[in-house]
Protein backbone atom coordinates (compact mmCIF):
# COMPACT_ATOMS: atom_id res chain seq x y z
CA MET A 1 53.00 113.45 -43.39
CA SER A 2 53.62 112.38 -39.80
CA ASP A 3 53.08 114.92 -36.66
CA GLU A 4 56.48 116.04 -34.76
CA GLY A 5 55.75 113.81 -32.02
CA THR A 6 57.55 110.32 -32.09
CA ILE A 7 55.91 107.20 -31.32
CA LYS A 8 57.56 103.59 -30.67
CA LEU A 9 55.53 100.48 -31.20
CA ILE A 10 56.87 97.84 -28.23
CA LYS A 11 54.87 94.67 -29.35
CA ALA A 12 52.27 93.24 -30.79
CA TYR A 13 50.10 90.87 -28.76
CA GLU A 14 48.45 87.77 -29.88
CA GLN A 15 46.09 86.07 -27.60
CA ARG A 16 46.64 82.29 -27.52
CA MET A 17 43.71 80.36 -25.81
CA SER A 18 45.81 78.11 -22.94
CA ARG A 19 42.81 76.05 -22.41
CA GLN A 20 42.50 73.00 -20.45
CA ARG A 21 41.99 70.23 -22.57
CA ALA A 22 41.78 66.92 -19.78
CA PHE A 23 39.36 64.92 -21.79
CA SER A 24 41.58 64.70 -24.90
CA ALA A 25 44.53 63.82 -22.89
CA LEU A 26 42.79 60.24 -21.51
CA PHE A 27 42.88 59.41 -25.26
CA SER A 28 46.28 57.84 -27.14
CA SER A 29 47.70 58.31 -30.62
CA PRO A 30 50.13 55.45 -31.01
CA PRO A 31 51.51 55.27 -34.49
CA GLU A 32 49.25 52.73 -35.50
CA ASN A 33 46.08 55.63 -34.79
CA PHE A 34 47.50 57.23 -37.86
CA HIS A 35 45.98 55.83 -41.41
CA SER A 36 44.75 56.66 -44.75
CA THR A 37 42.05 54.65 -44.99
CA ASP A 38 37.90 55.87 -45.35
CA LYS A 39 37.29 53.78 -41.92
CA VAL A 40 39.19 52.00 -38.90
CA GLU A 41 38.06 48.73 -37.08
CA ILE A 42 38.62 47.52 -33.92
CA ASP A 43 38.22 43.83 -32.72
CA VAL A 44 36.74 43.52 -29.19
CA ILE A 45 37.00 40.13 -27.01
CA ARG A 46 35.34 40.53 -23.74
CA ASN A 47 36.56 38.10 -21.37
CA GLY A 48 34.34 38.82 -18.50
CA GLN A 49 35.07 37.81 -14.55
CA GLU A 50 34.59 33.77 -14.94
CA ILE A 51 36.64 32.08 -12.77
CA ALA A 52 38.11 28.24 -12.59
CA ILE A 53 36.19 25.55 -11.25
CA PRO A 54 37.75 22.50 -10.00
CA VAL A 55 36.98 18.96 -11.24
CA PRO A 56 35.83 16.71 -8.54
CA ASN A 57 39.13 14.43 -8.71
CA MET A 58 42.09 13.28 -10.81
CA ASP A 59 40.06 10.97 -12.61
CA ALA A 60 37.44 13.40 -13.59
CA GLY A 61 37.69 14.76 -16.99
CA PRO A 62 38.58 18.13 -18.01
CA ARG A 63 35.76 21.16 -18.06
CA ASN A 64 35.66 22.60 -21.56
CA MET A 65 36.69 26.28 -22.25
CA SER A 66 34.73 28.23 -24.72
CA ALA A 67 36.92 29.87 -27.12
CA ASP A 68 37.23 33.68 -27.15
CA ASP A 69 34.49 35.43 -29.07
CA PHE A 70 34.98 38.63 -30.59
CA VAL A 71 32.85 41.59 -32.23
CA ASN A 72 34.32 43.44 -35.10
CA LYS A 73 33.57 47.52 -35.03
CA ALA A 74 34.17 49.93 -37.97
CA PHE A 75 33.95 53.87 -37.52
CA THR A 76 34.19 56.75 -40.06
CA PRO A 77 36.39 59.68 -38.81
CA THR A 78 34.79 63.06 -38.55
CA VAL A 79 36.45 65.55 -41.22
CA PHE A 80 37.54 69.28 -39.98
CA ASN A 81 38.10 71.41 -42.69
CA TYR A 82 38.73 75.36 -43.28
CA ASN A 83 39.65 77.29 -45.94
CA LEU A 84 41.29 80.84 -46.49
CA ASN A 85 41.55 83.38 -49.30
CA MET A 86 44.04 86.18 -48.97
CA SER A 87 44.51 88.78 -51.71
CA ALA A 88 47.44 90.09 -52.94
CA ALA A 89 46.36 93.66 -52.34
CA ASN A 90 45.39 92.34 -48.53
CA LEU A 91 48.97 91.08 -47.92
CA ARG A 92 50.30 94.81 -48.42
CA THR A 93 48.24 95.71 -45.08
CA ARG A 94 50.60 96.28 -42.22
CA GLU A 95 50.97 93.15 -40.18
CA PRO A 96 50.62 93.62 -36.17
CA GLY A 97 54.00 94.03 -34.76
CA VAL A 98 55.77 95.51 -37.82
CA ASP A 99 56.89 99.08 -38.50
CA PRO A 100 54.21 101.07 -40.45
CA TYR A 101 57.03 102.46 -42.36
CA THR A 102 58.44 99.43 -43.50
CA ASP A 103 57.78 98.50 -47.33
CA PRO A 104 55.89 95.28 -47.32
CA VAL A 105 57.72 92.11 -48.19
CA TRP A 106 55.29 89.75 -49.89
CA ALA A 107 56.73 86.40 -48.81
CA THR A 108 57.12 87.62 -45.17
CA ALA A 109 53.71 88.56 -44.84
CA ALA A 110 52.21 85.57 -46.06
CA THR A 111 54.59 83.18 -44.01
CA ARG A 112 53.65 85.27 -41.06
CA ARG A 113 49.83 84.97 -41.89
CA VAL A 114 49.91 81.27 -42.76
CA PHE A 115 51.48 80.46 -39.25
CA ARG A 116 49.32 82.94 -37.29
CA LEU A 117 46.12 80.78 -39.27
CA LEU A 118 48.28 77.44 -38.29
CA ARG A 119 47.99 78.39 -34.80
CA LYS A 120 44.50 79.51 -34.73
CA ALA A 121 43.33 76.12 -36.67
CA GLU A 122 45.28 73.97 -34.20
CA THR A 123 43.50 75.65 -31.43
CA MET A 124 39.77 75.75 -32.82
CA PHE A 125 40.75 71.77 -34.00
CA ARG A 126 42.02 70.70 -30.32
CA ASP A 127 39.06 72.19 -28.81
CA GLY A 128 36.53 70.47 -31.17
CA ILE A 129 38.49 67.28 -30.21
CA GLU A 130 37.89 67.92 -26.58
CA LEU A 131 34.31 68.20 -27.32
CA MET A 132 34.12 64.97 -29.29
CA CYS A 133 36.16 63.33 -26.38
CA SER A 134 33.68 65.13 -23.62
CA GLN A 135 31.01 63.52 -25.44
CA VAL A 136 32.16 60.18 -25.68
CA MET A 137 33.09 60.22 -21.62
CA THR A 138 29.95 61.59 -20.46
CA THR A 139 27.18 60.09 -22.77
CA GLY A 140 28.98 57.22 -25.09
CA GLN A 141 27.97 58.89 -28.08
CA ILE A 142 29.30 61.89 -30.54
CA ALA A 143 26.88 64.63 -31.54
CA LEU A 144 28.35 67.30 -33.33
CA VAL A 145 26.41 70.26 -34.63
CA ASP A 146 26.96 73.46 -37.08
CA ASP A 147 26.00 77.15 -36.20
CA GLY A 148 22.13 76.25 -37.25
CA ASN A 149 22.28 73.24 -35.39
CA ASN A 150 21.92 71.04 -38.12
CA SER A 151 23.69 67.65 -37.11
CA ILE A 152 27.13 67.14 -38.82
CA PHE A 153 28.38 64.04 -37.30
CA ALA A 154 26.85 61.35 -35.12
CA LEU A 155 28.21 58.32 -34.04
CA ASN A 156 26.49 56.09 -31.00
CA TYR A 157 28.94 53.82 -29.31
CA GLU A 158 26.14 51.96 -27.44
CA PRO A 159 27.23 52.35 -23.76
CA LYS A 160 24.99 50.41 -21.40
CA ASP A 161 22.20 52.99 -20.74
CA ALA A 162 18.95 50.85 -21.53
CA THR A 163 17.36 52.13 -18.24
CA GLY A 164 19.77 54.86 -17.25
CA THR A 165 19.37 53.35 -13.54
CA LEU A 166 22.05 52.32 -11.23
CA ALA A 167 20.01 49.38 -9.81
CA SER A 168 19.82 48.11 -13.59
CA GLY A 169 23.83 47.88 -13.65
CA ASP A 170 23.87 50.56 -16.57
CA LEU A 171 26.75 52.89 -17.01
CA ILE A 172 25.24 56.05 -18.18
CA VAL A 173 22.59 56.66 -15.18
CA THR A 174 20.63 59.25 -13.19
CA VAL A 175 20.44 59.32 -9.09
CA GLY A 176 17.32 58.12 -7.79
CA THR A 177 17.38 60.78 -5.17
CA GLU A 178 19.05 64.35 -6.24
CA TRP A 179 22.04 65.17 -4.43
CA ALA A 180 20.67 68.40 -2.02
CA THR A 181 22.72 71.66 -2.30
CA ASP A 182 23.26 71.48 1.42
CA GLY A 183 23.77 68.16 1.63
CA SER A 184 20.47 67.03 3.47
CA ALA A 185 19.41 64.73 0.78
CA GLY A 186 20.68 62.04 -1.75
CA GLU A 187 23.87 59.36 -0.77
CA PRO A 188 26.79 60.34 -2.93
CA LEU A 189 28.94 57.49 -1.72
CA SER A 190 26.16 54.74 -2.09
CA ASP A 191 25.73 55.84 -5.36
CA CYS A 192 29.00 56.50 -6.43
CA GLY A 193 29.95 52.70 -5.03
CA THR A 194 26.81 51.43 -7.03
CA LEU A 195 28.06 53.05 -10.25
CA PHE A 196 31.73 51.73 -9.57
CA GLY A 197 30.27 48.22 -8.91
CA ASN A 198 28.40 48.44 -12.18
CA VAL A 199 31.48 48.94 -13.82
CA ALA A 200 33.77 46.36 -11.69
CA ALA A 201 30.66 44.09 -13.15
CA CYS A 202 32.26 44.73 -16.90
CA GLY A 203 35.56 43.67 -15.54
CA TYR A 204 37.24 47.05 -14.84
CA ASP A 205 38.20 48.91 -11.57
CA VAL A 206 37.56 52.56 -11.47
CA THR A 207 40.58 54.50 -10.38
CA ASP A 208 39.57 57.87 -11.17
CA MET A 209 36.15 60.11 -10.58
CA CYS A 210 35.60 63.98 -12.04
CA LEU A 211 32.88 65.75 -10.92
CA GLY A 212 31.64 68.79 -12.62
CA GLY A 213 30.97 72.16 -10.28
CA THR A 214 28.06 71.99 -8.83
CA ALA A 215 28.11 68.22 -8.53
CA LEU A 216 31.28 68.70 -6.46
CA GLU A 217 29.71 71.21 -4.39
CA ARG A 218 27.10 68.89 -3.31
CA PHE A 219 29.22 66.14 -3.00
CA LEU A 220 31.58 68.04 -0.38
CA GLU A 221 28.11 69.10 1.51
CA ASN A 222 27.17 65.58 2.32
CA PRO A 223 27.28 64.70 5.93
CA LYS A 224 28.35 61.11 5.13
CA VAL A 225 31.30 62.37 3.05
CA GLN A 226 32.31 64.77 5.42
CA THR A 227 32.25 62.26 8.44
CA GLN A 228 34.48 60.01 6.06
CA MET A 229 37.16 62.54 5.60
CA ASN A 230 37.25 62.86 9.41
CA LEU A 231 36.46 59.59 10.60
CA LEU A 232 39.06 58.80 13.52
CA ARG A 233 42.04 60.41 11.38
CA ALA A 234 41.78 57.18 9.69
CA ASN A 235 42.50 58.50 6.45
CA PHE A 236 39.90 56.95 4.28
CA GLY A 237 40.17 60.18 2.30
CA ASP A 238 41.52 63.47 2.30
CA ILE A 239 40.65 66.68 0.42
CA THR A 240 44.39 67.76 -0.89
CA PRO A 241 43.71 70.62 -4.05
CA GLN A 242 47.29 69.73 -5.42
CA GLY A 243 48.88 67.34 -7.56
CA GLN A 244 49.18 66.64 -11.38
CA ALA A 245 45.90 65.39 -12.99
CA PRO A 246 45.69 63.19 -16.19
CA GLY A 247 46.91 65.56 -18.99
CA GLY A 248 47.05 68.66 -16.49
CA GLY A 249 43.94 69.71 -17.47
CA MET A 250 41.86 68.69 -14.10
CA ALA A 251 42.07 70.49 -10.89
CA ARG A 252 43.07 67.68 -8.09
CA VAL A 253 40.84 67.37 -5.36
CA GLY A 254 42.12 64.57 -3.36
CA ARG A 255 41.32 60.79 -3.14
CA MET A 256 38.77 58.58 -1.37
CA ILE A 257 38.12 54.99 -0.98
CA ILE A 258 34.42 54.67 -2.14
CA GLY A 259 32.66 51.23 -2.09
CA GLY A 260 36.10 49.71 -1.90
CA TYR A 261 37.66 51.33 -4.49
CA ASP A 262 40.64 53.88 -4.03
CA VAL A 263 40.02 56.67 -6.20
CA ARG A 264 41.68 59.95 -7.11
CA LEU A 265 38.84 62.96 -7.18
CA TRP A 266 39.20 65.85 -9.76
CA SER A 267 37.06 68.51 -11.05
CA TYR A 268 37.31 70.12 -14.66
CA ASN A 269 35.45 73.49 -15.44
CA ALA A 270 37.44 73.97 -18.89
CA THR A 271 34.60 75.69 -21.54
CA TYR A 272 34.13 76.26 -25.43
CA LYS A 273 31.78 78.51 -27.24
CA HIS A 274 28.92 76.42 -28.66
CA PRO A 275 28.69 76.77 -32.58
CA TYR A 276 24.61 77.33 -32.18
CA THR A 277 23.58 79.09 -29.12
CA GLY A 278 27.16 80.75 -29.04
CA SER A 279 26.79 80.32 -25.00
CA VAL A 280 30.07 79.43 -23.21
CA THR A 281 29.65 76.17 -22.55
CA ARG A 282 31.20 73.22 -19.95
CA TYR A 283 32.82 70.32 -21.45
CA LEU A 284 31.70 68.53 -18.38
CA PRO A 285 28.25 69.63 -17.52
CA ALA A 286 27.98 70.94 -14.23
CA ASN A 287 25.74 68.56 -12.75
CA LYS A 288 28.01 65.24 -13.82
CA ILE A 289 30.60 62.64 -12.44
CA VAL A 290 32.70 60.69 -14.99
CA ALA A 291 34.40 57.65 -13.51
CA TRP A 292 36.59 55.90 -15.58
CA ASP A 293 39.65 53.02 -15.01
CA ALA A 294 42.95 54.68 -16.00
CA ASN A 295 44.49 51.32 -17.15
CA ALA A 296 41.90 50.58 -20.07
CA PRO A 297 42.65 51.85 -23.32
CA ARG A 298 40.83 54.67 -25.25
CA ASP A 299 42.26 55.76 -29.33
CA LEU A 300 42.42 58.93 -30.79
CA THR A 301 42.78 58.11 -34.60
CA TRP A 302 43.90 60.38 -37.38
CA GLY A 303 43.30 59.57 -41.01
CA GLU A 304 45.08 61.38 -43.81
CA ILE A 305 42.46 63.70 -46.04
CA PRO A 306 43.51 62.56 -49.76
CA LEU A 307 44.40 65.36 -52.11
CA LEU A 308 45.76 64.72 -55.83
CA PRO A 309 49.00 65.92 -57.52
CA ALA A 310 48.96 69.89 -57.80
CA PRO A 311 47.91 71.18 -61.24
CA PRO A 312 50.84 72.41 -63.68
CA GLY A 313 51.62 75.95 -63.34
CA GLN A 314 50.07 76.26 -59.45
CA GLN A 315 52.59 77.67 -57.25
CA GLN A 316 53.09 76.03 -53.84
CA LEU A 317 54.23 77.46 -50.58
CA SER A 318 57.35 75.66 -50.01
CA PHE A 319 57.50 76.62 -46.45
CA VAL A 320 54.31 75.20 -45.60
CA PRO A 321 54.49 71.42 -44.40
CA SER A 322 51.80 69.16 -46.16
CA ARG A 323 50.89 67.14 -43.26
CA MET A 324 52.07 67.78 -39.57
CA SER A 325 51.52 64.70 -37.54
CA TYR A 326 52.47 65.15 -33.60
CA GLY A 327 51.60 61.62 -32.18
CA ASP A 328 53.01 62.63 -28.54
CA ARG A 329 50.96 65.81 -28.39
CA GLY A 330 47.52 64.16 -30.04
CA MET A 331 47.33 66.39 -33.09
CA ASP A 332 47.56 65.27 -37.02
CA PHE A 333 46.68 68.06 -39.91
CA GLN A 334 47.00 68.76 -43.45
CA VAL A 335 47.52 71.87 -44.97
CA THR A 336 47.74 73.13 -48.59
CA ALA A 337 48.89 76.73 -49.66
CA TYR A 338 49.32 78.11 -53.11
CA VAL A 339 48.64 81.11 -55.40
CA THR A 340 46.14 81.25 -57.71
CA GLN A 341 46.97 80.96 -61.61
CA ASP A 342 46.37 84.91 -61.98
CA ARG A 343 48.59 85.31 -59.30
CA LYS A 344 46.29 87.83 -57.03
CA ASN A 345 45.02 85.20 -54.27
CA LEU A 346 46.79 83.02 -51.88
CA VAL A 347 44.49 80.05 -50.72
CA VAL A 348 45.42 78.19 -47.66
CA ASN A 349 43.34 74.67 -46.59
CA ILE A 350 43.82 73.15 -43.41
CA GLY A 351 42.50 70.19 -42.28
CA CYS A 352 41.97 66.67 -40.64
CA ARG A 353 40.20 63.50 -39.70
CA PRO A 354 40.06 62.91 -35.87
CA LEU A 355 38.00 60.33 -34.11
CA ALA A 356 37.92 59.48 -30.51
CA ILE A 357 37.23 55.92 -29.88
CA PRO A 358 36.17 54.56 -26.42
CA THR A 359 38.14 51.32 -27.05
CA ALA A 360 37.18 49.76 -23.76
CA ILE A 361 33.92 51.55 -23.38
CA ASP A 362 32.57 49.47 -20.61
CA SER A 363 35.47 51.04 -18.36
CA ILE A 364 33.65 54.69 -18.27
CA ALA A 365 30.67 55.69 -16.64
CA CYS A 366 28.56 58.74 -16.01
CA MET A 367 25.97 59.96 -13.52
CA THR A 368 23.94 62.66 -13.45
CA VAL A 369 23.49 63.84 -9.80
CA HIS A 370 20.69 66.90 -9.84
CA SER A 371 18.20 68.24 -12.30
């Protein structure tokens, strides 16, 4: 029996993580990226930077032009798949925000818990996809592990990283001289200009550069960077932390002309919990910078998880859609929810098959600026 005091339950607060997910926002999901196949393929045609050469005169014969060559690449998507089993007895326990003196209604309780699970799963899936996209942007590879540090999914898109040096023309590189904390060593403008030139040699122009936390600090401490910002007020660059980032996840630092390229500068410090170490980890390591051509394509594909028809007698939950696809939001996942034949358990399964593909992989470059 309750005591004589009075109590009012004013609200139930559910923490919803509004994490920044800037890298996945750089990948697009048009209708053709939703599929029901085991693998996806892309045909890559590289044109390079050849220019037309004139013939000596009008009587000379034409020069021969080679036909476009292309490379076909096939990839198998990742699979995210989670299961939750709720007993009938558990569904009778009080839900957050519900008056404890109200008789439990099974259908209402089941609906609330299923959709709360969907919200949690969507957050987890989006974070997993952001990690996948961040790895593509910083390494040109995907390497996902479980809580035992076992490799679960690995895919190498083979970026230009043969020697990992700027002078070799590679795109995944480490600077020759580290950028110093106080700006006394290192050549940020020269290093970035060379990296952008390596991208240009592949036929792309860098439009954006995102700096990790300490990379940004060391970049701004460099005296040559500071000089360029103030050179006779010629506006070769500006540090104005405002404006809208691609996808809304990055913080705007400003813009600068580097190596002849007018580049927008961003910073990104969003984090996730590493499944093996449990430590809070940055999607963009603090000591790296990433540069890319905003006009080049990057794709996020979504595969269907095959399902057989429900067996006779299995009660499906009609209020749960079987597949929820949101191309504009970059999300697609499948849900099955049913009551077991003994009617004692509610089983909910949520899964998706995403894959981040750097379609124009030579338009992305990453540089490590200090250890």
